[in-house]
C-alpha atoms as a PDB file:
ATOM      1  CA  MET A   1      70.737  59.752  33.177  1.00  0.00           C
ATOM      2  CA  LEU A   2      72.935  56.884  31.464  1.00  0.00           C
ATOM      3  CA  TYR A   3      70.871  54.611  33.931  1.00  0.00           C
ATOM      4  CA  ARG A   4      67.428  55.597  33.087  1.00  0.00           C
ATOM      5  CA  LEU A   5      68.077  55.286  29.074  1.00  0.00           C
ATOM      6  CA  LEU A   6      69.270  51.748  29.764  1.00  0.00           C
ATOM      7  CA  ALA A   7      66.342  50.996  31.365  1.00  0.00           C
ATOM      8  CA  LEU A   8      64.040  52.014  28.941  1.00  0.00           C
ATOM      9  CA  LEU A   9      65.753  50.667  26.112  1.00  0.00           C
ATOM     10  CA  THR A  10      65.691  47.284  28.125  1.00  0.00           C
ATOM     11  CA  ILE A  11      62.064  47.650  28.357  1.00  0.00           C
ATOM     12  CA  PHE A  12      61.468  48.501  24.753  1.00  0.00           C
ATOM     13  CA  SER A  13      63.407  45.386  23.845  1.00  0.00           C
ATOM     14  CA  MET A  14      61.067  43.278  25.789  1.00  0.00           C
ATOM     15  CA  VAL A  15      58.156  44.500  24.049  1.00  0.00           C
ATOM     16  CA  LEU A  16      59.089  44.179  20.466  1.00  0.00           C
ATOM     17  CA  LEU A  17      60.549  40.428  21.577  1.00  0.00           C
ATOM     18  CA  THR A  18      56.865  40.165  22.884  1.00  0.00           C
ATOM     19  CA  ILE A  19      55.290  41.639  19.658  1.00  0.00           C
ATOM     20  CA  VAL A  20      57.676  39.255  17.320  1.00  0.00           C
ATOM     21  CA  ALA A  21      56.983  36.255  19.501  1.00  0.00           C
ATOM     22  CA  CYS A  22      53.116  36.309  19.022  1.00  0.00           C
ATOM     23  CA  GLY A  23      53.352  37.041  14.995  1.00  0.00           C
ATOM     24  CA  ASP A  24      55.248  34.133  15.034  1.00  0.00           C
ATOM     25  CA  ASP A  25      52.704  32.164  16.929  1.00  0.00           C
ATOM     26  CA  ALA A  26      50.148  33.529  14.465  1.00  0.00           C
ATOM     27  CA  THR A  27      51.965  32.311  11.530  1.00  0.00           C
ATOM     28  CA  VAL A  28      52.651  28.632  13.006  1.00  0.00           C
ATOM     29  CA  ASP A  29      49.164  27.663  13.528  1.00  0.00           C
ATOM     30  CA  PRO A  30      47.449  26.028  10.258  1.00  0.00           C
ATOM     31  CA  PRO A  31      44.391  27.418   8.815  1.00  0.00           C
ATOM     32  CA  VAL A  32      41.301  25.995   9.841  1.00  0.00           C
ATOM     33  CA  GLU A  33      39.759  23.790   6.714  1.00  0.00           C
ATOM     34  CA  GLU A  34      35.857  24.176   6.672  1.00  0.00           C
ATOM     35  CA  GLU A  35      34.343  20.762   6.701  1.00  0.00           C
ATOM     36  CA  GLN A  36      32.749  19.494   3.354  1.00  0.00           C
ATOM     37  CA  ASN A  37      28.995  18.284   2.789  1.00  0.00           C
ATOM     38  CA  ILE A  38      27.756  15.147   1.519  1.00  0.00           C
ATOM     39  CA  VAL A  39      28.217  15.617  -2.004  1.00  0.00           C
ATOM     40  CA  GLU A  40      31.555  17.367  -1.819  1.00  0.00           C
ATOM     41  CA  THR A  41      33.106  14.699   0.363  1.00  0.00           C
ATOM     42  CA  ALA A  42      31.755  12.085  -1.747  1.00  0.00           C
ATOM     43  CA  GLY A  43      33.250  13.853  -4.909  1.00  0.00           C
ATOM     44  CA  GLU A  44      36.641  14.321  -3.236  1.00  0.00           C
ATOM     45  CA  ASP A  45      36.856  10.502  -2.331  1.00  0.00           C
ATOM     46  CA  GLY A  46      36.841   9.766  -6.123  1.00  0.00           C
ATOM     47  CA  ASN A  47      34.740   6.413  -5.898  1.00  0.00           C
ATOM     48  CA  PHE A  48      31.120   7.754  -6.450  1.00  0.00           C
ATOM     49  CA  THR A  49      31.159   9.554  -9.797  1.00  0.00           C
ATOM     50  CA  ILE A  50      28.476   7.313 -11.183  1.00  0.00           C
ATOM     51  CA  LEU A  51      26.240   8.008  -7.781  1.00  0.00           C
ATOM     52  CA  LEU A  52      27.191  11.893  -8.124  1.00  0.00           C
ATOM     53  CA  ASN A  53      26.391  12.282 -11.919  1.00  0.00           C
ATOM     54  CA  LEU A  54      23.064  10.482 -11.321  1.00  0.00           C
ATOM     55  CA  VAL A  55      22.267  12.782  -7.960  1.00  0.00           C
ATOM     56  CA  GLN A  56      23.348  15.774 -10.585  1.00  0.00           C
ATOM     57  CA  ASP A  57      20.855  14.670 -13.057  1.00  0.00           C
ATOM     58  CA  LEU A  58      17.856  14.288 -10.737  1.00  0.00           C
ATOM     59  CA  GLY A  59      18.526  17.702  -9.341  1.00  0.00           C
ATOM     60  CA  LEU A  60      19.013  16.115  -5.946  1.00  0.00           C
ATOM     61  CA  ALA A  61      22.720  17.921  -5.147  1.00  0.00           C
ATOM     62  CA  GLU A  62      20.974  20.408  -2.825  1.00  0.00           C
ATOM     63  CA  THR A  63      18.920  17.992  -1.140  1.00  0.00           C
ATOM     64  CA  LEU A  64      22.226  16.341  -0.326  1.00  0.00           C
ATOM     65  CA  SER A  65      24.029  18.972   0.435  1.00  0.00           C
ATOM     66  CA  GLU A  66      21.936  20.798   3.146  1.00  0.00           C
ATOM     67  CA  ASN A  67      20.078  18.192   5.047  1.00  0.00           C
ATOM     68  CA  GLU A  68      21.386  15.819   7.498  1.00  0.00           C
ATOM     69  CA  PHE A  69      21.604  12.264   5.847  1.00  0.00           C
ATOM     70  CA  THR A  70      23.510   8.942   6.476  1.00  0.00           C
ATOM     71  CA  LEU A  71      24.068   7.837   2.779  1.00  0.00           C
ATOM     72  CA  LEU A  72      24.725   4.128   1.685  1.00  0.00           C
ATOM     73  CA  GLY A  73      26.782   5.098  -1.164  1.00  0.00           C
ATOM     74  CA  PRO A  74      27.038   2.668  -3.860  1.00  0.00           C
ATOM     75  CA  THR A  75      30.677   2.800  -5.709  1.00  0.00           C
ATOM     76  CA  ASP A  76      31.606   2.953  -9.166  1.00  0.00           C
ATOM     77  CA  ASP A  77      32.230  -0.505  -9.081  1.00  0.00           C
ATOM     78  CA  ALA A  78      28.923  -1.136  -7.428  1.00  0.00           C
ATOM     79  CA  PHE A  79      26.789   0.010 -10.516  1.00  0.00           C
ATOM     80  CA  ASN A  80      29.007  -1.380 -12.664  1.00  0.00           C
ATOM     81  CA  SER A  81      27.889  -4.588 -11.259  1.00  0.00           C
ATOM     82  CA  LEU A  82      24.050  -4.339 -11.390  1.00  0.00           C
ATOM     83  CA  PRO A  83      22.970  -7.770 -11.819  1.00  0.00           C
ATOM     84  CA  GLU A  84      21.963  -8.919 -15.190  1.00  0.00           C
ATOM     85  CA  GLY A  85      18.420  -7.167 -16.495  1.00  0.00           C
ATOM     86  CA  VAL A  86      18.826  -4.380 -14.019  1.00  0.00           C
ATOM     87  CA  SER A  87      19.675  -1.021 -16.019  1.00  0.00           C
ATOM     88  CA  LEU A  88      19.247   2.592 -15.062  1.00  0.00           C
ATOM     89  CA  GLU A  89      18.602   3.481 -18.207  1.00  0.00           C
ATOM     90  CA  ASP A  90      15.418   1.327 -18.012  1.00  0.00           C
ATOM     91  CA  LEU A  91      13.799   3.005 -14.898  1.00  0.00           C
ATOM     92  CA  THR A  92      11.747   6.333 -15.048  1.00  0.00           C
ATOM     93  CA  GLU A  93      13.084   9.498 -13.504  1.00  0.00           C
ATOM     94  CA  GLU A  94      10.665   8.555 -10.727  1.00  0.00           C
ATOM     95  CA  GLN A  95      11.910   5.238 -10.251  1.00  0.00           C
ATOM     96  CA  GLN A  96      15.609   6.597 -10.447  1.00  0.00           C
ATOM     97  CA  ILE A  97      15.041   9.535  -7.640  1.00  0.00           C
ATOM     98  CA  GLU A  98      13.257   6.306  -5.249  1.00  0.00           C
ATOM     99  CA  LEU A  99      16.563   4.426  -6.080  1.00  0.00           C
ATOM    100  CA  LEU A 100      18.703   7.001  -4.535  1.00  0.00           C
ATOM    101  CA  GLN A 101      16.030   7.966  -1.786  1.00  0.00           C
ATOM    102  CA  TYR A 102      16.256   4.294  -0.755  1.00  0.00           C
ATOM    103  CA  HIS A 103      20.027   4.660  -0.168  1.00  0.00           C
ATOM    104  CA  LEU A 104      19.387   7.499   2.554  1.00  0.00           C
ATOM    105  CA  ILE A 105      18.754   7.549   6.328  1.00  0.00           C
ATOM    106  CA  SER A 106      17.509  10.449   7.821  1.00  0.00           C
ATOM    107  CA  GLY A 107      20.288  11.638  10.452  1.00  0.00           C
ATOM    108  CA  THR A 108      23.922  10.647  11.192  1.00  0.00           C
ATOM    109  CA  VAL A 109      24.305   7.012  12.046  1.00  0.00           C
ATOM    110  CA  THR A 110      27.864   6.078  12.363  1.00  0.00           C
ATOM    111  CA  SER A 111      28.940   1.952  12.388  1.00  0.00           C
ATOM    112  CA  ALA A 112      29.255   2.062  16.084  1.00  0.00           C
ATOM    113  CA  GLU A 113      25.727   2.938  16.224  1.00  0.00           C
ATOM    114  CA  ILE A 114      24.796   0.224  14.131  1.00  0.00           C
ATOM    115  CA  SER A 115      23.552  -2.715  16.095  1.00  0.00           C
ATOM    116  CA  GLU A 116      23.889  -6.611  15.343  1.00  0.00           C
ATOM    117  CA  GLN A 117      20.476  -6.528  13.093  1.00  0.00           C
ATOM    118  CA  GLN A 118      18.052  -3.379  13.017  1.00  0.00           C
ATOM    119  CA  ASP A 119      15.670  -1.631  10.710  1.00  0.00           C
ATOM    120  CA  ALA A 120      16.111   1.581   9.360  1.00  0.00           C
ATOM    121  CA  GLU A 121      13.562   3.824   7.427  1.00  0.00           C
ATOM    122  CA  SER A 122      15.066   5.042   3.815  1.00  0.00           C
ATOM    123  CA  ALA A 123      14.253   8.224   2.902  1.00  0.00           C
ATOM    124  CA  GLN A 124      12.361   6.653   0.139  1.00  0.00           C
ATOM    125  CA  GLY A 125      10.039   5.168   2.906  1.00  0.00           C
ATOM    126  CA  GLU A 126      10.908   1.541   2.917  1.00  0.00           C
ATOM    127  CA  LEU A 127      12.834  -0.277   5.702  1.00  0.00           C
ATOM    128  CA  LEU A 128      16.337  -1.247   5.099  1.00  0.00           C
ATOM    129  CA  LEU A 129      17.989  -4.126   7.289  1.00  0.00           C
ATOM    130  CA  LEU A 130      20.985  -2.922   9.027  1.00  0.00           C
ATOM    131  CA  GLN A 131      23.414  -5.750  10.355  1.00  0.00           C
ATOM    132  CA  ASN A 132      26.862  -5.418  12.322  1.00  0.00           C
ATOM    133  CA  VAL A 133      28.868  -8.835  13.078  1.00  0.00           C
ATOM    134  CA  GLU A 134      32.014  -8.025  14.610  1.00  0.00           C
ATOM    135  CA  GLY A 135      32.455  -4.794  12.753  1.00  0.00           C
ATOM    136  CA  GLU A 136      31.467  -6.181   9.582  1.00  0.00           C
ATOM    137  CA  ILE A 137      28.381  -4.596   8.020  1.00  0.00           C
ATOM    138  CA  THR A 138      25.858  -5.453   5.481  1.00  0.00           C
ATOM    139  CA  VAL A 139      22.651  -3.971   3.929  1.00  0.00           C
ATOM    140  CA  ASN A 140      19.813  -5.647   3.364  1.00  0.00           C
ATOM    141  CA  ASN A 141      21.978  -9.333   4.148  1.00  0.00           C
ATOM    142  CA  THR A 142      23.767  -8.715   0.907  1.00  0.00           C
ATOM    143  CA  ALA A 143      25.611  -5.589   0.470  1.00  0.00           C
ATOM    144  CA  ASN A 144      28.867  -5.032   2.247  1.00  0.00           C
ATOM    145  CA  VAL A 145      30.068  -1.638   3.710  1.00  0.00           C
ATOM    146  CA  VAL A 146      33.380  -1.774   2.201  1.00  0.00           C
ATOM    147  CA  SER A 147      34.466   1.751   3.580  1.00  0.00           C
ATOM    148  CA  GLY A 148      32.313   3.272   6.718  1.00  0.00           C
ATOM    149  CA  ASP A 149      32.245   6.159   8.281  1.00  0.00           C
ATOM    150  CA  ILE A 150      33.297   8.926   5.697  1.00  0.00           C
ATOM    151  CA  MET A 151      32.288  12.063   7.634  1.00  0.00           C
ATOM    152  CA  ALA A 152      31.054  15.106   5.965  1.00  0.00           C
ATOM    153  CA  SER A 153      29.490  18.247   7.570  1.00  0.00           C
ATOM    154  CA  ASN A 154      25.530  16.835   7.155  1.00  0.00           C
ATOM    155  CA  GLY A 155      26.206  13.369   7.605  1.00  0.00           C
ATOM    156  CA  VAL A 156      28.264  10.339   6.984  1.00  0.00           C
ATOM    157  CA  ILE A 157      29.046   8.146   3.954  1.00  0.00           C
ATOM    158  CA  HIS A 158      28.989   4.683   4.256  1.00  0.00           C
ATOM    159  CA  ALA A 159      30.298   3.176   0.905  1.00  0.00           C
ATOM    160  CA  ILE A 160      28.479  -0.121  -0.347  1.00  0.00           C
ATOM    161  CA  ASP A 161      29.692  -2.897  -2.949  1.00  0.00           C
ATOM    162  CA  GLU A 162      26.072  -3.203  -4.297  1.00  0.00           C
ATOM    163  CA  VAL A 163      23.465  -0.965  -5.387  1.00  0.00           C
ATOM    164  CA  LEU A 164      20.187  -1.559  -3.095  1.00  0.00           C
ATOM    165  CA  LEU A 165      16.641  -2.067  -5.351  1.00  0.00           C
ATOM    166  CA  PRO A 166      13.335  -0.811  -3.770  1.00  0.00           C
ATOM    167  CA  SER A 167      10.668  -2.648  -4.099  1.00  0.00           C
ATOM    168  CA  GLU A 168       9.141  -1.667  -7.172  1.00  0.00           C
ATOM    169  CA  VAL A 169      12.305  -2.297  -9.317  1.00  0.00           C
ATOM    170  CA  ARG A 170      12.846  -5.652  -7.511  1.00  0.00           C
ATOM    171  CA  ILE A 171       9.534  -6.624  -8.791  1.00  0.00           C
ATOM    172  CA  GLN A 172       9.722  -5.050 -12.327  1.00  0.00           C
ATOM    173  CA  THR A 173      13.292  -6.875 -12.643  1.00  0.00           C
ATOM    174  CA  GLY A 174      12.198 -10.347 -11.595  1.00  0.00           C
ATOM    175  CA  ARG A 175      13.791 -10.547  -8.151  1.00  0.00           C
ATOM    176  CA  PRO A 176      10.762 -10.113  -5.961  1.00  0.00           C
ATOM    177  CA  ASN A 177      11.223 -11.555  -2.263  1.00  0.00           C
ATOM    178  CA  ILE A 178       8.692 -12.879  -0.528  1.00  0.00           C
ATOM    179  CA  VAL A 179       6.892  -9.885   0.797  1.00  0.00           C
ATOM    180  CA  ASP A 180       6.966  -8.363  -2.476  1.00  0.00           C
ATOM    181  CA  ILE A 181       5.098 -11.026  -3.738  1.00  0.00           C
ATOM    182  CA  ALA A 182       2.418 -10.842  -0.670  1.00  0.00           C
ATOM    183  CA  MET A 183       2.242  -7.594  -1.416  1.00  0.00           C
ATOM    184  CA  GLU A 184       1.433  -7.735  -4.997  1.00  0.00           C
ATOM    185  CA  THR A 185      -0.909 -10.545  -5.193  1.00  0.00           C
ATOM    186  CA  ASP A 186      -4.850  -9.938  -4.414  1.00  0.00           C
ATOM    187  CA  GLY A 187      -6.024 -11.070  -1.364  1.00  0.00           C
ATOM    188  CA  TYR A 188      -2.961 -10.962   1.094  1.00  0.00           C
ATOM    189  CA  ASP A 189      -3.569  -7.524   2.582  1.00  0.00           C
ATOM    190  CA  VAL A 190      -4.215  -8.924   5.827  1.00  0.00           C
ATOM    191  CA  LEU A 191      -0.915 -11.255   5.815  1.00  0.00           C
ATOM    192  CA  THR A 192       1.105  -8.042   4.713  1.00  0.00           C
ATOM    193  CA  SER A 193      -0.268  -5.981   7.502  1.00  0.00           C
ATOM    194  CA  ALA A 194       0.308  -8.252   9.959  1.00  0.00           C
ATOM    195  CA  VAL A 195       3.634  -9.012   8.734  1.00  0.00           C
ATOM    196  CA  GLU A 196       4.599  -5.338   8.864  1.00  0.00           C
ATOM    197  CA  SER A 197       2.732  -4.560  12.466  1.00  0.00           C
ATOM    198  CA  ALA A 198       4.645  -7.678  14.054  1.00  0.00           C
ATOM    199  CA  GLY A 199       8.036  -6.206  12.980  1.00  0.00           C
ATOM    200  CA  LEU A 200       9.117  -9.242  10.354  1.00  0.00           C
ATOM    201  CA  MET A 201       9.127  -6.950   7.249  1.00  0.00           C
ATOM    202  CA  THR A 202      12.765  -6.912   6.588  1.00  0.00           C
ATOM    203  CA  THR A 203      13.176 -10.650   8.124  1.00  0.00           C
ATOM    204  CA  LEU A 204      10.881 -12.094   5.338  1.00  0.00           C
ATOM    205  CA  GLN A 205      11.985  -9.632   2.802  1.00  0.00           C
ATOM    206  CA  PHE A 206      16.092 -10.168   3.340  1.00  0.00           C
ATOM    207  CA  LEU A 207      16.940 -13.218   5.384  1.00  0.00           C
ATOM    208  CA  GLY A 208      16.369 -16.742   4.589  1.00  0.00           C
ATOM    209  CA  PRO A 209      15.903 -18.782   2.382  1.00  0.00           C
ATOM    210  CA  PHE A 210      12.549 -19.634   3.989  1.00  0.00           C
ATOM    211  CA  THR A 211       9.393 -21.673   3.039  1.00  0.00           C
ATOM    212  CA  ALA A 212       6.410 -19.566   4.235  1.00  0.00           C
ATOM    213  CA  PHE A 213       2.929 -21.071   3.998  1.00  0.00           C
ATOM    214  CA  ALA A 214       0.742 -17.871   3.461  1.00  0.00           C
ATOM    215  CA  PRO A 215      -2.916 -17.605   4.659  1.00  0.00           C
ATOM    216  CA  ASN A 216      -4.907 -15.336   2.341  1.00  0.00           C
ATOM    217  CA  ASP A 217      -7.573 -12.508   3.611  1.00  0.00           C
ATOM    218  CA  GLU A 218     -10.559 -15.184   3.727  1.00  0.00           C
ATOM    219  CA  ALA A 219      -8.332 -17.375   6.007  1.00  0.00           C
ATOM    220  CA  PHE A 220      -7.759 -14.421   8.077  1.00  0.00           C
ATOM    221  CA  ALA A 221     -11.419 -13.188   8.610  1.00  0.00           C
ATOM    222  CA  GLU A 222     -11.595 -16.237  10.778  1.00  0.00           C
ATOM    223  CA  VAL A 223      -8.999 -14.810  13.279  1.00  0.00           C
ATOM    224  CA  ASP A 224      -9.731 -12.116  15.616  1.00  0.00           C
ATOM    225  CA  LEU A 225      -6.273 -10.374  15.276  1.00  0.00           C
ATOM    226  CA  GLU A 226      -7.053  -7.348  17.204  1.00  0.00           C
ATOM    227  CA  GLY A 227      -7.275  -9.389  20.430  1.00  0.00           C
ATOM    228  CA  LEU A 228      -3.645  -9.999  19.719  1.00  0.00           C
ATOM    229  CA  SER A 229      -0.690  -8.454  20.930  1.00  0.00           C
ATOM    230  CA  ASP A 230       2.719  -7.465  18.444  1.00  0.00           C
ATOM    231  CA  GLU A 231       4.396 -10.432  19.837  1.00  0.00           C
ATOM    232  CA  GLU A 232       1.370 -12.937  19.708  1.00  0.00           C
ATOM    233  CA  LEU A 233       0.940 -11.631  16.109  1.00  0.00           C
ATOM    234  CA  ALA A 234       4.814 -12.259  15.590  1.00  0.00           C
ATOM    235  CA  ASN A 235       4.693 -15.871  16.967  1.00  0.00           C
ATOM    236  CA  ILE A 236       1.705 -16.704  14.768  1.00  0.00           C
ATOM    237  CA  LEU A 237       3.465 -15.380  11.741  1.00  0.00           C
ATOM    238  CA  ARG A 238       7.165 -17.135  12.751  1.00  0.00           C
ATOM    239  CA  TYR A 239       4.707 -20.345  13.269  1.00  0.00           C
ATOM    240  CA  HIS A 240       4.085 -20.294   9.118  1.00  0.00           C
ATOM    241  CA  VAL A 241       7.467 -20.357   8.013  1.00  0.00           C
ATOM    242  CA  ILE A 242      10.324 -22.627   8.094  1.00  0.00           C
ATOM    243  CA  GLU A 243      13.660 -22.485   7.129  1.00  0.00           C
ATOM    244  CA  GLY A 244      15.076 -23.537   3.487  1.00  0.00           C
ATOM    245  CA  GLU A 245      13.197 -23.789   0.643  1.00  0.00           C
ATOM    246  CA  PHE A 246      11.056 -26.722  -0.126  1.00  0.00           C
ATOM    247  CA  LEU A 247       8.944 -27.360  -3.162  1.00  0.00           C
ATOM    248  CA  VAL A 248       5.949 -29.669  -2.811  1.00  0.00           C
ATOM    249  CA  ALA A 249       7.992 -32.412  -4.824  1.00  0.00           C
ATOM    250  CA  ASP A 250      10.583 -31.966  -1.903  1.00  0.00           C
ATOM    251  CA  LEU A 251       8.194 -32.934   1.024  1.00  0.00           C
ATOM    252  CA  ASP A 252       7.513 -36.536   2.144  1.00  0.00           C
ATOM    253  CA  PRO A 253       4.002 -37.648   2.425  1.00  0.00           C
ATOM    254  CA  GLU A 254       4.266 -37.301   5.852  1.00  0.00           C
ATOM    255  CA  GLN A 255       6.910 -35.038   8.239  1.00  0.00           C
ATOM    256  CA  GLU A 256       7.099 -33.085  10.988  1.00  0.00           C
ATOM    257  CA  VAL A 257       8.898 -29.968  10.806  1.00  0.00           C
ATOM    258  CA  GLU A 258      10.187 -27.141  12.776  1.00  0.00           C
ATOM    259  CA  THR A 259       9.084 -23.521  12.313  1.00  0.00           C
ATOM    260  CA  LEU A 260      10.552 -20.078  12.948  1.00  0.00           C
ATOM    261  CA  LEU A 261       8.708 -20.172  16.354  1.00  0.00           C
ATOM    262  CA  GLU A 262      10.900 -21.779  18.819  1.00  0.00           C
ATOM    263  CA  GLY A 263       9.923 -25.222  20.187  1.00  0.00           C
ATOM    264  CA  GLN A 264       7.150 -25.255  17.336  1.00  0.00           C
ATOM    265  CA  SER A 265       6.503 -27.757  14.490  1.00  0.00           C
ATOM    266  CA  ILE A 266       4.181 -28.581  11.941  1.00  0.00           C
ATOM    267  CA  LEU A 267       2.722 -31.663  10.482  1.00  0.00           C
ATOM    268  CA  ILE A 268       2.750 -31.768   6.495  1.00  0.00           C
ATOM    269  CA  THR A 269       1.213 -34.415   4.785  1.00  0.00           C
ATOM    270  CA  ILE A 270       0.230 -35.087   1.183  1.00  0.00           C
ATOM    271  CA  ASN A 271      -2.576 -37.519   0.151  1.00  0.00           C
ATOM    272  CA  GLU A 272      -3.064 -39.775  -2.702  1.00  0.00           C
ATOM    273  CA  ASP A 273      -4.199 -36.718  -5.150  1.00  0.00           C
ATOM    274  CA  ASN A 274      -0.952 -35.023  -4.167  1.00  0.00           C
ATOM    275  CA  GLU A 275      -3.121 -32.715  -1.979  1.00  0.00           C
ATOM    276  CA  VAL A 276      -1.077 -30.900   0.903  1.00  0.00           C
ATOM    277  CA  PHE A 277      -2.293 -30.316   4.364  1.00  0.00           C
ATOM    278  CA  ILE A 278      -0.620 -28.331   6.928  1.00  0.00           C
ATOM    279  CA  ASN A 279      -1.715 -29.848  10.917  1.00  0.00           C
ATOM    280  CA  GLU A 280      -4.356 -32.174   8.819  1.00  0.00           C
ATOM    281  CA  THR A 281      -6.880 -29.027   8.573  1.00  0.00           C
ATOM    282  CA  SER A 282      -5.244 -26.150   6.423  1.00  0.00           C
ATOM    283  CA  GLN A 283      -4.862 -26.856   2.134  1.00  0.00           C
ATOM    284  CA  VAL A 284      -2.402 -25.750   0.387  1.00  0.00           C
ATOM    285  CA  THR A 285      -4.113 -23.760  -2.498  1.00  0.00           C
ATOM    286  CA  VAL A 286      -1.295 -22.309  -4.390  1.00  0.00           C
ATOM    287  CA  PRO A 287       1.771 -24.173  -4.119  1.00  0.00           C
ATOM    288  CA  ASP A 288       5.355 -23.646  -5.267  1.00  0.00           C
ATOM    289  CA  ILE A 289       5.477 -19.816  -5.846  1.00  0.00           C
ATOM    290  CA  PRO A 290       9.050 -18.967  -6.304  1.00  0.00           C
ATOM    291  CA  ALA A 291      10.426 -15.626  -4.600  1.00  0.00           C
ATOM    292  CA  SER A 292      14.036 -14.906  -4.255  1.00  0.00           C
ATOM    293  CA  ASN A 293      14.692 -15.503  -0.848  1.00  0.00           C
ATOM    294  CA  GLY A 294      12.229 -18.637  -0.843  1.00  0.00           C
ATOM    295  CA  ILE A 295       9.268 -20.309  -1.445  1.00  0.00           C
ATOM    296  CA  ILE A 296       5.629 -19.775  -0.729  1.00  0.00           C
ATOM    297  CA  HIS A 297       2.926 -22.084  -0.539  1.00  0.00           C
ATOM    298  CA  ALA A 298      -0.806 -20.399  -0.251  1.00  0.00           C
ATOM    299  CA  ILE A 299      -2.924 -21.885   2.028  1.00  0.00           C
ATOM    300  CA  ASP A 300      -6.647 -21.527   3.044  1.00  0.00           C
ATOM    301  CA  GLN A 301      -6.047 -21.605   6.770  1.00  0.00           C
ATOM    302  CA  VAL A 302      -4.181 -19.618   9.558  1.00  0.00           C
ATOM    303  CA  LEU A 303      -2.135 -21.918  11.460  1.00  0.00           C
ATOM    304  CA  SER A 304      -2.170 -21.885  15.120  1.00  0.00           C
ATOM    305  CA  PRO A 305       0.601 -22.613  17.047  1.00  0.00           C
ATOM    306  CA  GLU A 306      -1.084 -25.003  19.720  1.00  0.00           C
ATOM    307  CA  GLN A 307      -2.114 -27.085  16.653  1.00  0.00           C
ATOM    308  CA  GLY A 308       1.294 -28.220  16.297  1.00  0.00           C
ATOM    309  CA  GLU A 309       2.206 -28.829  20.027  1.00  0.00           C
ATOM    310  CA  GLU A 310       2.503 -32.472  20.841  1.00  0.00           C
END
């Protein structure tokens, strides 16, 4: 009888110890924290106060909280260092919305997924130029990612040190690039469409400085563009661009200059009347048009790479 009682007590003790042990394990495990969305993550970071105030004022907080985005987030320092002549207060509400959308890419793009050079379409519709050189990431060749891969439940934030300006704002504030000017100037629709088809938009918007010889629509009317592949079209356009900024006053009376089309050069000549010709056939009709990333010279004939071969 005593033996059976001891056995029962032993079993009871083992069960009690097991229950206590399980209870101890439950209290040791830390609580699972719910991941925050982009707006909450940016708020907790503390460096995006101006950006978040703008998001709230424009009613975009819900959009940024529920949809998956990559946010290229200008820091407070970036907003406080806007270039001279640029002010958020001077932009309409629609322009402010477009500016914010210009900093968004649909989906999640981490630093590791950014190649050496690639285009990304913004939520605003314009293309952004992303570059990754040995882990140093830039946007549009000027804004640096100062803190990348800030993960959120619905995407990722890359903090940048400069506010990105969409085309309309660049033009309004006197900072148009080569493509902006072509798009805003009557008579260059074919050229801008060709640049887009050839995949050279961001190159001619954000890289450089370049000197571009720009044929107008009448010049392109003499060329069968439909029969060209995108690569052939890109080669023709590269043949119209040289590295560096060259005003007419900087040019020699006769000189051969290499173009962006590898292995091809153009012949520039200036006659006694100071008229400028390219490959002796295409004349510069409007010289010295300044852009933020170079100089444009309007010409009256499309240049063919074969013309520049020796």
